[in-house]
């Protein structure tokens, strides 16, 4: 659900695109998400347990980049240092390569 909110809609596999929701501002939600989520929680979503949060954080990064949210991009970038990126890379979670690519865009 968070991924859809951060992308601005549901990803349609047939069209390989996001079907945007009317009257929803993914950019504002992404900014609020960055302000609310504790950094340790964001990192843990991608580096602990099943690591299923990689797609959520990747969607967050994509939205921040797309909407040029400089302060938020810098904040998220500070959460994922070399140590955290190495843990993501070495882990077995799905979406880790996408996450690492989107983190580089920040």
PDB file of N, CA and C in Angstrom:
ATOM      1  N   UNK A   1       0.808  -1.174   0.000  1.00  0.00           N
ATOM      2  CA  UNK A   1       0.000   0.000   0.000  1.00  0.00           C
ATOM      3  C   UNK A   1       0.868   1.262   0.000  1.00  0.00           C
ATOM      4  N   UNK A   2       1.912   1.276   0.818  1.00  0.00           N
ATOM      5  CA  UNK A   2       2.788   2.448   0.855  1.00  0.00           C
ATOM      6  C   UNK A   2       3.430   2.698  -0.498  1.00  0.00           C
ATOM      7  N   UNK A   3       3.804   1.636  -1.160  1.00  0.00           N
ATOM      8  CA  UNK A   3       4.410   1.782  -2.484  1.00  0.00           C
ATOM      9  C   UNK A   3       3.450   2.483  -3.443  1.00  0.00           C
ATOM     10  N   UNK A   4       2.198   2.082  -3.445  1.00  0.00           N
ATOM     11  CA  UNK A   4       1.196   2.720  -4.307  1.00  0.00           C
ATOM     12  C   UNK A   4       1.008   4.187  -3.943  1.00  0.00           C
ATOM     13  N   UNK A   5       0.980   4.487  -2.655  1.00  0.00           N
ATOM     14  CA  UNK A   5       0.820   5.870  -2.220  1.00  0.00           C
ATOM     15  C   UNK A   5       2.024   6.714  -2.622  1.00  0.00           C
ATOM     16  N   UNK A   6       3.202   6.138  -2.528  1.00  0.00           N
ATOM     17  CA  UNK A   6       4.418   6.867  -2.896  1.00  0.00           C
ATOM     18  C   UNK A   6       4.554   7.051  -4.409  1.00  0.00           C
ATOM     19  N   UNK A   7       4.046   6.096  -5.173  1.00  0.00           N
ATOM     20  CA  UNK A   7       4.100   6.195  -6.637  1.00  0.00           C
ATOM     21  C   UNK A   7       2.979   7.067  -7.184  1.00  0.00           C
ATOM     22  N   UNK A   8       1.936   7.231  -6.418  1.00  0.00           N
ATOM     23  CA  UNK A   8       0.799   8.005  -6.883  1.00  0.00           C
ATOM     24  C   UNK A   8      -0.288   7.171  -7.507  1.00  0.00           C
ATOM     25  N   UNK A   9      -0.158   5.858  -7.418  1.00  0.00           N
ATOM     26  CA  UNK A   9      -1.162   4.966  -7.978  1.00  0.00           C
ATOM     27  C   UNK A   9      -0.674   3.532  -8.001  1.00  0.00           C
ATOM     28  N   UNK A  10      -1.485   2.670  -8.580  1.00  0.00           N
ATOM     29  CA  UNK A  10      -1.185   1.242  -8.657  1.00  0.00           C
ATOM     30  C   UNK A  10      -0.405   0.932  -9.935  1.00  0.00           C
ATOM     31  N   UNK A  11       0.604   0.076  -9.817  1.00  0.00           N
ATOM     32  CA  UNK A  11       1.382  -0.348 -10.978  1.00  0.00           C
ATOM     33  C   UNK A  11       0.610  -1.410 -11.745  1.00  0.00           C
ATOM     34  N   UNK A  12       0.382  -1.155 -13.027  1.00  0.00           N
ATOM     35  CA  UNK A  12      -0.325  -2.083 -13.895  1.00  0.00           C
ATOM     36  C   UNK A  12       0.712  -2.912 -14.651  1.00  0.00           C
ATOM     37  N   UNK A  13       0.734  -4.205 -14.390  1.00  0.00           N
ATOM     38  CA  UNK A  13       1.722  -5.076 -15.026  1.00  0.00           C
ATOM     39  C   UNK A  13       1.523  -5.171 -16.536  1.00  0.00           C
ATOM     40  N   UNK A  14       0.283  -5.106 -16.986  1.00  0.00           N
ATOM     41  CA  UNK A  14       0.004  -5.202 -18.425  1.00  0.00           C
ATOM     42  C   UNK A  14       0.585  -4.026 -19.196  1.00  0.00           C
ATOM     43  N   UNK A  15       0.387  -2.828 -18.662  1.00  0.00           N
ATOM     44  CA  UNK A  15       0.864  -1.628 -19.361  1.00  0.00           C
ATOM     45  C   UNK A  15       2.262  -1.216 -18.918  1.00  0.00           C
ATOM     46  N   UNK A  16       2.769  -1.869 -17.883  1.00  0.00           N
ATOM     47  CA  UNK A  16       4.078  -1.556 -17.319  1.00  0.00           C
ATOM     48  C   UNK A  16       4.189  -0.080 -16.926  1.00  0.00           C
ATOM     49  N   UNK A  17       3.107   0.433 -16.348  1.00  0.00           N
ATOM     50  CA  UNK A  17       3.101   1.826 -15.906  1.00  0.00           C
ATOM     51  C   UNK A  17       2.202   1.980 -14.682  1.00  0.00           C
ATOM     52  N   UNK A  18       2.361   3.100 -14.016  1.00  0.00           N
ATOM     53  CA  UNK A  18       1.554   3.393 -12.838  1.00  0.00           C
ATOM     54  C   UNK A  18       0.269   4.089 -13.285  1.00  0.00           C
ATOM     55  N   UNK A  19      -0.853   3.550 -12.836  1.00  0.00           N
ATOM     56  CA  UNK A  19      -2.142   4.185 -13.098  1.00  0.00           C
ATOM     57  C   UNK A  19      -2.357   5.196 -11.977  1.00  0.00           C
ATOM     58  N   UNK A  20      -2.161   6.467 -12.283  1.00  0.00           N
ATOM     59  CA  UNK A  20      -2.202   7.514 -11.274  1.00  0.00           C
ATOM     60  C   UNK A  20      -3.599   7.706 -10.694  1.00  0.00           C
ATOM     61  N   UNK A  21      -3.639   7.974  -9.394  1.00  0.00           N
ATOM     62  CA  UNK A  21      -4.897   8.245  -8.700  1.00  0.00           C
ATOM     63  C   UNK A  21      -5.220   9.729  -8.845  1.00  0.00           C
ATOM     64  N   UNK A  22      -6.478  10.024  -9.078  1.00  0.00           N
ATOM     65  CA  UNK A  22      -6.905  11.416  -9.158  1.00  0.00           C
ATOM     66  C   UNK A  22      -6.899  12.010  -7.755  1.00  0.00           C
ATOM     67  N   UNK A  23      -6.589  13.281  -7.688  1.00  0.00           N
ATOM     68  CA  UNK A  23      -6.617  14.027  -6.423  1.00  0.00           C
ATOM     69  C   UNK A  23      -5.664  13.467  -5.366  1.00  0.00           C
ATOM     70  N   UNK A  24      -4.575  12.879  -5.792  1.00  0.00           N
ATOM     71  CA  UNK A  24      -3.576  12.377  -4.846  1.00  0.00           C
ATOM     72  C   UNK A  24      -2.232  12.985  -5.205  1.00  0.00           C
ATOM     73  N   UNK A  25      -1.544  13.532  -4.221  1.00  0.00           N
ATOM     74  CA  UNK A  25      -0.235  14.140  -4.434  1.00  0.00           C
ATOM     75  C   UNK A  25       0.833  13.261  -3.804  1.00  0.00           C
ATOM     76  N   UNK A  26       1.437  12.424  -4.617  1.00  0.00           N
ATOM     77  CA  UNK A  26       2.472  11.509  -4.135  1.00  0.00           C
ATOM     78  C   UNK A  26       3.672  12.271  -3.583  1.00  0.00           C
ATOM     79  N   UNK A  27       3.950  13.420  -4.140  1.00  0.00           N
ATOM     80  CA  UNK A  27       5.069  14.241  -3.701  1.00  0.00           C
ATOM     81  C   UNK A  27       4.885  14.690  -2.249  1.00  0.00           C
ATOM     82  N   UNK A  28       3.693  15.141  -1.917  1.00  0.00           N
ATOM     83  CA  UNK A  28       3.415  15.564  -0.545  1.00  0.00           C
ATOM     84  C   UNK A  28       3.469  14.377   0.411  1.00  0.00           C
ATOM     85  N   UNK A  29       2.949  13.239  -0.039  1.00  0.00           N
ATOM     86  CA  UNK A  29       2.986  12.050   0.804  1.00  0.00           C
ATOM     87  C   UNK A  29       4.432  11.615   1.040  1.00  0.00           C
ATOM     88  N   UNK A  30       5.263  11.672   0.006  1.00  0.00           N
ATOM     89  CA  UNK A  30       6.670  11.295   0.147  1.00  0.00           C
ATOM     90  C   UNK A  30       7.380  12.206   1.149  1.00  0.00           C
ATOM     91  N   UNK A  31       7.103  13.493   1.086  1.00  0.00           N
ATOM     92  CA  UNK A  31       7.701  14.437   2.036  1.00  0.00           C
ATOM     93  C   UNK A  31       7.273  14.115   3.464  1.00  0.00           C
ATOM     94  N   UNK A  32       6.000  13.842   3.647  1.00  0.00           N
ATOM     95  CA  UNK A  32       5.488  13.493   4.978  1.00  0.00           C
ATOM     96  C   UNK A  32       6.089  12.174   5.459  1.00  0.00           C
ATOM     97  N   UNK A  33       6.209  11.217   4.557  1.00  0.00           N
ATOM     98  CA  UNK A  33       6.787   9.911   4.884  1.00  0.00           C
ATOM     99  C   UNK A  33       8.209  10.084   5.417  1.00  0.00           C
ATOM    100  N   UNK A  34       8.990  10.919   4.746  1.00  0.00           N
ATOM    101  CA  UNK A  34      10.378  11.164   5.161  1.00  0.00           C
ATOM    102  C   UNK A  34      10.416  11.808   6.542  1.00  0.00           C
ATOM    103  N   UNK A  35       9.501  12.715   6.805  1.00  0.00           N
ATOM    104  CA  UNK A  35       9.472  13.401   8.097  1.00  0.00           C
ATOM    105  C   UNK A  35       9.014  12.498   9.239  1.00  0.00           C
ATOM    106  N   UNK A  36       8.176  11.517   8.926  1.00  0.00           N
ATOM    107  CA  UNK A  36       7.568  10.690   9.969  1.00  0.00           C
ATOM    108  C   UNK A  36       8.351   9.412  10.270  1.00  0.00           C
ATOM    109  N   UNK A  37       8.826   8.737   9.246  1.00  0.00           N
ATOM    110  CA  UNK A  37       9.469   7.437   9.461  1.00  0.00           C
ATOM    111  C   UNK A  37      10.848   7.620  10.117  1.00  0.00           C
ATOM    112  N   UNK A  38      11.124   6.876  11.168  1.00  0.00           N
ATOM    113  CA  UNK A  38      12.452   6.949  11.774  1.00  0.00           C
ATOM    114  C   UNK A  38      13.500   6.356  10.812  1.00  0.00           C
ATOM    115  N   UNK A  39      14.653   6.989  10.703  1.00  0.00           N
ATOM    116  CA  UNK A  39      15.686   6.482   9.793  1.00  0.00           C
ATOM    117  C   UNK A  39      16.022   5.005  10.013  1.00  0.00           C
ATOM    118  N   UNK A  40      16.118   4.586  11.274  1.00  0.00           N
ATOM    119  CA  UNK A  40      16.443   3.184  11.558  1.00  0.00           C
ATOM    120  C   UNK A  40      15.377   2.239  11.015  1.00  0.00           C
ATOM    121  N   UNK A  41      14.133   2.670  11.036  1.00  0.00           N
ATOM    122  CA  UNK A  41      13.045   1.854  10.511  1.00  0.00           C
ATOM    123  C   UNK A  41      13.156   1.731   8.996  1.00  0.00           C
ATOM    124  N   UNK A  42      13.438   2.836   8.321  1.00  0.00           N
ATOM    125  CA  UNK A  42      13.592   2.814   6.857  1.00  0.00           C
ATOM    126  C   UNK A  42      14.722   1.880   6.451  1.00  0.00           C
ATOM    127  N   UNK A  43      15.832   1.958   7.145  1.00  0.00           N
ATOM    128  CA  UNK A  43      16.977   1.093   6.834  1.00  0.00           C
ATOM    129  C   UNK A  43      16.634  -0.363   7.140  1.00  0.00           C
ATOM    130  N   UNK A  44      15.985  -0.607   8.270  1.00  0.00           N
ATOM    131  CA  UNK A  44      15.619  -1.981   8.660  1.00  0.00           C
ATOM    132  C   UNK A  44      14.668  -2.612   7.654  1.00  0.00           C
ATOM    133  N   UNK A  45      13.806  -1.806   7.056  1.00  0.00           N
ATOM    134  CA  UNK A  45      12.878  -2.333   6.046  1.00  0.00           C
ATOM    135  C   UNK A  45      13.630  -2.980   4.887  1.00  0.00           C
ATOM    136  N   UNK A  46      14.851  -2.534   4.662  1.00  0.00           N
ATOM    137  CA  UNK A  46      15.630  -2.989   3.507  1.00  0.00           C
ATOM    138  C   UNK A  46      16.779  -3.913   3.878  1.00  0.00           C
ATOM    139  N   UNK A  47      17.104  -3.996   5.167  1.00  0.00           N
ATOM    140  CA  UNK A  47      18.295  -4.752   5.538  1.00  0.00           C
ATOM    141  C   UNK A  47      18.077  -5.805   6.619  1.00  0.00           C
ATOM    142  N   UNK A  48      16.895  -5.860   7.209  1.00  0.00           N
ATOM    143  CA  UNK A  48      16.622  -6.843   8.261  1.00  0.00           C
ATOM    144  C   UNK A  48      15.485  -7.760   7.848  1.00  0.00           C
ATOM    145  N   UNK A  49      15.441  -8.921   8.447  1.00  0.00           N
ATOM    146  CA  UNK A  49      14.344  -9.862   8.204  1.00  0.00           C
ATOM    147  C   UNK A  49      14.213 -10.239   6.739  1.00  0.00           C
ATOM    148  N   UNK A  50      13.006 -10.213   6.238  1.00  0.00           N
ATOM    149  CA  UNK A  50      12.757 -10.600   4.844  1.00  0.00           C
ATOM    150  C   UNK A  50      13.088  -9.491   3.856  1.00  0.00           C
ATOM    151  N   UNK A  51      13.328  -8.287   4.350  1.00  0.00           N
ATOM    152  CA  UNK A  51      13.759  -7.150   3.526  1.00  0.00           C
ATOM    153  C   UNK A  51      12.746  -6.763   2.459  1.00  0.00           C
ATOM    154  N   UNK A  52      11.485  -6.916   2.756  1.00  0.00           N
ATOM    155  CA  UNK A  52      10.444  -6.638   1.773  1.00  0.00           C
ATOM    156  C   UNK A  52      10.167  -5.153   1.572  1.00  0.00           C
ATOM    157  N   UNK A  53      10.822  -4.287   2.331  1.00  0.00           N
ATOM    158  CA  UNK A  53      10.601  -2.857   2.195  1.00  0.00           C
ATOM    159  C   UNK A  53      11.434  -2.191   1.125  1.00  0.00           C
ATOM    160  N   UNK A  54      12.268  -2.947   0.438  1.00  0.00           N
ATOM    161  CA  UNK A  54      13.144  -2.359  -0.588  1.00  0.00           C
ATOM    162  C   UNK A  54      12.350  -1.648  -1.676  1.00  0.00           C
ATOM    163  N   UNK A  55      11.233  -2.233  -2.095  1.00  0.00           N
ATOM    164  CA  UNK A  55      10.425  -1.614  -3.144  1.00  0.00           C
ATOM    165  C   UNK A  55       9.766  -0.321  -2.647  1.00  0.00           C
ATOM    166  N   UNK A  56       9.409  -0.282  -1.377  1.00  0.00           N
ATOM    167  CA  UNK A  56       8.794   0.919  -0.807  1.00  0.00           C
ATOM    168  C   UNK A  56       9.808   2.060  -0.787  1.00  0.00           C
ATOM    169  N   UNK A  57      11.002   1.785  -0.290  1.00  0.00           N
ATOM    170  CA  UNK A  57      12.025   2.828  -0.211  1.00  0.00           C
ATOM    171  C   UNK A  57      12.490   3.229  -1.614  1.00  0.00           C
ATOM    172  N   UNK A  58      12.527   2.288  -2.539  1.00  0.00           N
ATOM    173  CA  UNK A  58      12.866   2.624  -3.929  1.00  0.00           C
ATOM    174  C   UNK A  58      11.805   3.556  -4.522  1.00  0.00           C
ATOM    175  N   UNK A  59      10.531   3.280  -4.251  1.00  0.00           N
ATOM    176  CA  UNK A  59       9.449   4.161  -4.732  1.00  0.00           C
ATOM    177  C   UNK A  59       9.568   5.542  -4.101  1.00  0.00           C
ATOM    178  N   UNK A  60       9.930   5.579  -2.837  1.00  0.00           N
ATOM    179  CA  UNK A  60      10.150   6.858  -2.158  1.00  0.00           C
ATOM    180  C   UNK A  60      11.243   7.653  -2.867  1.00  0.00           C
ATOM    181  N   UNK A  61      12.364   7.006  -3.122  1.00  0.00           N
ATOM    182  CA  UNK A  61      13.484   7.670  -3.799  1.00  0.00           C
ATOM    183  C   UNK A  61      13.076   8.170  -5.185  1.00  0.00           C
ATOM    184  N   UNK A  62      12.374   7.347  -5.938  1.00  0.00           N
ATOM    185  CA  UNK A  62      11.944   7.741  -7.280  1.00  0.00           C
ATOM    186  C   UNK A  62      11.046   8.969  -7.240  1.00  0.00           C
ATOM    187  N   UNK A  63      10.121   9.009  -6.292  1.00  0.00           N
ATOM    188  CA  UNK A  63       9.215  10.153  -6.179  1.00  0.00           C
ATOM    189  C   UNK A  63       9.964  11.410  -5.764  1.00  0.00           C
ATOM    190  N   UNK A  64      10.901  11.279  -4.842  1.00  0.00           N
ATOM    191  CA  UNK A  64      11.686  12.440  -4.415  1.00  0.00           C
ATOM    192  C   UNK A  64      12.527  12.994  -5.558  1.00  0.00           C
ATOM    193  N   UNK A  65      13.103  12.097  -6.355  1.00  0.00           N
ATOM    194  CA  UNK A  65      13.911  12.530  -7.495  1.00  0.00           C
ATOM    195  C   UNK A  65      13.027  13.170  -8.559  1.00  0.00           C
ATOM    196  N   UNK A  66      11.933  12.525  -8.880  1.00  0.00           N
ATOM    197  CA  UNK A  66      11.010  13.016  -9.915  1.00  0.00           C
ATOM    198  C   UNK A  66      10.503  14.419  -9.595  1.00  0.00           C
ATOM    199  N   UNK A  67      10.256  14.679  -8.308  1.00  0.00           N
ATOM    200  CA  UNK A  67       9.692  15.958  -7.888  1.00  0.00           C
ATOM    201  C   UNK A  67      10.740  16.920  -7.333  1.00  0.00           C
ATOM    202  N   UNK A  68      12.003  16.554  -7.478  1.00  0.00           N
ATOM    203  CA  UNK A  68      13.142  17.386  -7.071  1.00  0.00           C
ATOM    204  C   UNK A  68      13.003  17.915  -5.648  1.00  0.00           C
ATOM    205  N   UNK A  69      12.734  17.016  -4.738  1.00  0.00           N
ATOM    206  CA  UNK A  69      12.612  17.348  -3.317  1.00  0.00           C
ATOM    207  C   UNK A  69      14.008  17.299  -2.685  1.00  0.00           C
ATOM    208  N   UNK A  70      14.741  18.388  -2.796  1.00  0.00           N
ATOM    209  CA  UNK A  70      16.152  18.413  -2.409  1.00  0.00           C
ATOM    210  C   UNK A  70      16.392  18.084  -0.938  1.00  0.00           C
ATOM    211  N   UNK A  71      15.667  18.722  -0.046  1.00  0.00           N
ATOM    212  CA  UNK A  71      15.884  18.475   1.384  1.00  0.00           C
ATOM    213  C   UNK A  71      15.575  17.029   1.750  1.00  0.00           C
ATOM    214  N   UNK A  72      14.485  16.513   1.210  1.00  0.00           N
ATOM    215  CA  UNK A  72      14.096  15.132   1.503  1.00  0.00           C
ATOM    216  C   UNK A  72      15.082  14.135   0.893  1.00  0.00           C
ATOM    217  N   UNK A  73      15.540  14.429  -0.317  1.00  0.00           N
ATOM    218  CA  UNK A  73      16.536  13.542  -0.955  1.00  0.00           C
ATOM    219  C   UNK A  73      17.791  13.471  -0.093  1.00  0.00           C
ATOM    220  N   UNK A  74      18.247  14.610   0.380  1.00  0.00           N
ATOM    221  CA  UNK A  74      19.453  14.648   1.203  1.00  0.00           C
ATOM    222  C   UNK A  74      19.250  13.878   2.504  1.00  0.00           C
ATOM    223  N   UNK A  75      18.077  14.014   3.081  1.00  0.00           N
ATOM    224  CA  UNK A  75      17.773  13.319   4.337  1.00  0.00           C
ATOM    225  C   UNK A  75      17.808  11.803   4.140  1.00  0.00           C
ATOM    226  N   UNK A  76      17.127  11.314   3.104  1.00  0.00           N
ATOM    227  CA  UNK A  76      17.106   9.871   2.844  1.00  0.00           C
ATOM    228  C   UNK A  76      18.505   9.377   2.488  1.00  0.00           C
ATOM    229  N   UNK A  77      19.216  10.149   1.713  1.00  0.00           N
ATOM    230  CA  UNK A  77      20.587   9.769   1.337  1.00  0.00           C
ATOM    231  C   UNK A  77      21.453   9.589   2.584  1.00  0.00           C
ATOM    232  N   UNK A  78      21.254  10.438   3.587  1.00  0.00           N
ATOM    233  CA  UNK A  78      22.053  10.349   4.819  1.00  0.00           C
ATOM    234  C   UNK A  78      21.741   9.082   5.618  1.00  0.00           C
ATOM    235  N   UNK A  79      20.557   8.513   5.417  1.00  0.00           N
ATOM    236  CA  UNK A  79      20.191   7.291   6.121  1.00  0.00           C
ATOM    237  C   UNK A  79      20.938   6.073   5.605  1.00  0.00           C
ATOM    238  N   UNK A  80      21.340   6.103   4.327  1.00  0.00           N
ATOM    239  CA  UNK A  80      21.913   4.927   3.668  1.00  0.00           C
ATOM    240  C   UNK A  80      23.365   5.189   3.299  1.00  0.00           C
ATOM    241  N   UNK A  81      24.239   5.018   4.297  1.00  0.00           N
ATOM    242  CA  UNK A  81      25.672   5.147   4.062  1.00  0.00           C
ATOM    243  C   UNK A  81      26.230   3.880   3.431  1.00  0.00           C
ATOM    244  N   UNK A  82      27.523   3.827   3.326  1.00  0.00           N
ATOM    245  CA  UNK A  82      28.183   2.668   2.710  1.00  0.00           C
ATOM    246  C   UNK A  82      27.904   1.376   3.483  1.00  0.00           C
ATOM    247  N   UNK A  83      27.870   1.453   4.795  1.00  0.00           N
ATOM    248  CA  UNK A  83      27.599   0.275   5.629  1.00  0.00           C
ATOM    249  C   UNK A  83      26.202  -0.279   5.331  1.00  0.00           C
ATOM    250  N   UNK A  84      25.221   0.602   5.269  1.00  0.00           N
ATOM    251  CA  UNK A  84      23.839   0.187   5.010  1.00  0.00           C
ATOM    252  C   UNK A  84      23.679  -0.352   3.587  1.00  0.00           C
ATOM    253  N   UNK A  85      24.327   0.291   2.637  1.00  0.00           N
ATOM    254  CA  UNK A  85      24.263  -0.182   1.246  1.00  0.00           C
ATOM    255  C   UNK A  85      24.905  -1.551   1.100  1.00  0.00           C
ATOM    256  N   UNK A  86      25.996  -1.774   1.811  1.00  0.00           N
ATOM    257  CA  UNK A  86      26.654  -3.084   1.767  1.00  0.00           C
ATOM    258  C   UNK A  86      25.751  -4.167   2.343  1.00  0.00           C
ATOM    259  N   UNK A  87      25.061  -3.852   3.437  1.00  0.00           N
ATOM    260  CA  UNK A  87      24.144  -4.822   4.053  1.00  0.00           C
ATOM    261  C   UNK A  87      23.001  -5.157   3.098  1.00  0.00           C
ATOM    262  N   UNK A  88      22.508  -4.144   2.372  1.00  0.00           N
ATOM    263  CA  UNK A  88      21.442  -4.378   1.399  1.00  0.00           C
ATOM    264  C   UNK A  88      21.960  -5.247   0.262  1.00  0.00           C
ATOM    265  N   UNK A  89      23.137  -4.920  -0.240  1.00  0.00           N
ATOM    266  CA  UNK A  89      23.723  -5.650  -1.367  1.00  0.00           C
ATOM    267  C   UNK A  89      23.982  -7.114  -1.027  1.00  0.00           C
ATOM    268  N   UNK A  90      24.459  -7.355   0.181  1.00  0.00           N
ATOM    269  CA  UNK A  90      24.794  -8.716   0.601  1.00  0.00           C
ATOM    270  C   UNK A  90      23.566  -9.528   0.990  1.00  0.00           C
ATOM    271  N   UNK A  91      22.460  -8.860   1.271  1.00  0.00           N
ATOM    272  CA  UNK A  91      21.244  -9.541   1.712  1.00  0.00           C
ATOM    273  C   UNK A  91      20.519 -10.213   0.556  1.00  0.00           C
ATOM    274  N   UNK A  92      19.501 -10.950   0.905  1.00  0.00           N
ATOM    275  CA  UNK A  92      18.761 -11.709  -0.095  1.00  0.00           C
ATOM    276  C   UNK A  92      17.394 -11.150  -0.427  1.00  0.00           C
ATOM    277  N   UNK A  93      17.137  -9.933  -0.039  1.00  0.00           N
ATOM    278  CA  UNK A  93      15.807  -9.371  -0.263  1.00  0.00           C
ATOM    279  C   UNK A  93      15.512  -9.062  -1.721  1.00  0.00           C
ATOM    280  N   UNK A  94      14.240  -9.170  -2.072  1.00  0.00           N
ATOM    281  CA  UNK A  94      13.808  -8.814  -3.423  1.00  0.00           C
ATOM    282  C   UNK A  94      13.877  -7.294  -3.573  1.00  0.00           C
ATOM    283  N   UNK A  95      14.218  -6.837  -4.742  1.00  0.00           N
ATOM    284  CA  UNK A  95      14.233  -5.414  -5.029  1.00  0.00           C
ATOM    285  C   UNK A  95      15.494  -4.699  -4.609  1.00  0.00           C
ATOM    286  N   UNK A  96      16.489  -5.444  -4.141  1.00  0.00           N
ATOM    287  CA  UNK A  96      17.689  -4.790  -3.632  1.00  0.00           C
ATOM    288  C   UNK A  96      18.458  -4.048  -4.727  1.00  0.00           C
ATOM    289  N   UNK A  97      18.503  -4.591  -5.925  1.00  0.00           N
ATOM    290  CA  UNK A  97      19.218  -3.904  -7.002  1.00  0.00           C
ATOM    291  C   UNK A  97      18.512  -2.617  -7.411  1.00  0.00           C
ATOM    292  N   UNK A  98      17.191  -2.665  -7.480  1.00  0.00           N
ATOM    293  CA  UNK A  98      16.414  -1.465  -7.782  1.00  0.00           C
ATOM    294  C   UNK A  98      16.632  -0.414  -6.695  1.00  0.00           C
ATOM    295  N   UNK A  99      16.602  -0.831  -5.449  1.00  0.00           N
ATOM    296  CA  UNK A  99      16.813   0.088  -4.341  1.00  0.00           C
ATOM    297  C   UNK A  99      18.188   0.743  -4.439  1.00  0.00           C
ATOM    298  N   UNK A 100      19.219  -0.053  -4.661  1.00  0.00           N
ATOM    299  CA  UNK A 100      20.568   0.502  -4.754  1.00  0.00           C
ATOM    300  C   UNK A 100      20.687   1.488  -5.914  1.00  0.00           C
ATOM    301  N   UNK A 101      20.020   1.189  -7.028  1.00  0.00           N
ATOM    302  CA  UNK A 101      20.035   2.109  -8.166  1.00  0.00           C
ATOM    303  C   UNK A 101      19.345   3.426  -7.825  1.00  0.00           C
ATOM    304  N   UNK A 102      18.197   3.345  -7.169  1.00  0.00           N
ATOM    305  CA  UNK A 102      17.458   4.570  -6.863  1.00  0.00           C
ATOM    306  C   UNK A 102      18.159   5.389  -5.778  1.00  0.00           C
ATOM    307  N   UNK A 103      18.838   4.731  -4.858  1.00  0.00           N
ATOM    308  CA  UNK A 103      19.599   5.468  -3.849  1.00  0.00           C
ATOM    309  C   UNK A 103      20.710   6.293  -4.501  1.00  0.00           C
ATOM    310  N   UNK A 104      21.285   5.758  -5.570  1.00  0.00           N
ATOM    311  CA  UNK A 104      22.332   6.498  -6.290  1.00  0.00           C
ATOM    312  C   UNK A 104      21.806   7.739  -6.992  1.00  0.00           C
ATOM    313  N   UNK A 105      20.509   7.786  -7.256  1.00  0.00           N
ATOM    314  CA  UNK A 105      19.912   8.940  -7.926  1.00  0.00           C
ATOM    315  C   UNK A 105      19.723  10.132  -6.974  1.00  0.00           C
ATOM    316  N   UNK A 106      19.762   9.859  -5.679  1.00  0.00           N
ATOM    317  CA  UNK A 106      19.520  10.940  -4.704  1.00  0.00           C
ATOM    318  C   UNK A 106      20.640  11.962  -4.704  1.00  0.00           C
TER     319      UNK A 106
END
